[in-house]
Amino acid sequence: MLIRFFRAVVGAYRRDSQFRALVFLVLATLLGGTLFYSNVEG
C-alpha cells in the first residue's frame, strides 16, 4: 500500500506542474519553520 502511494506521488510529480509547486511550498514552509524554531528556542 505504501509503495502504491509513493508511485502515485512520483507520477503526479512528473505530470503536474502545480503539484510540483505545491510540494516545493510545503517543503519550504517546513524548512523555514524548522530553522525559525531552532534559532528561537536554541
Protein backbone atom coordinates (compact mmCIF):
# COMPACT_ATOMS: atom_id res chain seq x y z
CA MET A 1 0.00 0.00 0.00
CA LEU A 2 2.83 2.38 0.86
CA ILE A 3 4.58 1.59 -2.42
CA ARG A 4 1.41 2.42 -4.35
CA PHE A 5 1.18 5.75 -2.52
CA PHE A 6 4.77 6.69 -3.39
CA ARG A 7 4.27 5.65 -7.00
CA ALA A 8 1.19 7.86 -7.21
CA VAL A 9 3.07 10.80 -5.70
CA VAL A 10 6.00 10.36 -8.08
CA GLY A 11 3.65 10.04 -11.03
CA ALA A 12 1.79 13.20 -10.05
CA TYR A 13 5.10 14.99 -9.52
CA ARG A 14 6.22 14.12 -13.03
CA ARG A 15 2.94 15.03 -14.74
CA ASP A 16 1.59 18.09 -12.94
CA SER A 17 3.49 21.36 -12.58
CA GLN A 18 1.03 22.64 -9.97
CA PHE A 19 1.72 19.58 -7.84
CA ARG A 20 5.46 20.28 -8.08
CA ALA A 21 4.85 23.84 -6.92
CA LEU A 22 2.76 22.58 -4.01
CA VAL A 23 5.46 20.13 -2.95
CA PHE A 24 8.05 22.92 -3.11
CA LEU A 25 5.90 25.26 -1.00
CA VAL A 26 5.24 22.59 1.62
CA LEU A 27 8.93 21.73 1.90
CA ALA A 28 9.90 25.42 2.05
CA THR A 29 7.35 26.01 4.83
CA LEU A 30 8.61 23.04 6.84
CA LEU A 31 12.24 24.09 6.39
CA GLY A 32 11.50 27.71 7.30
CA GLY A 33 9.57 26.71 10.39
CA THR A 34 12.27 24.30 11.48
CA LEU A 35 15.02 26.88 11.09
CA PHE A 36 12.99 29.57 12.84
CA TYR A 37 12.08 27.47 15.86
CA SER A 38 15.56 26.00 16.20
CA ASN A 39 17.03 29.52 16.29
CA VAL A 40 14.37 30.96 18.60
CA GLU A 41 14.30 28.06 21.05
CA GLY A 42 18.03 27.41 20.92
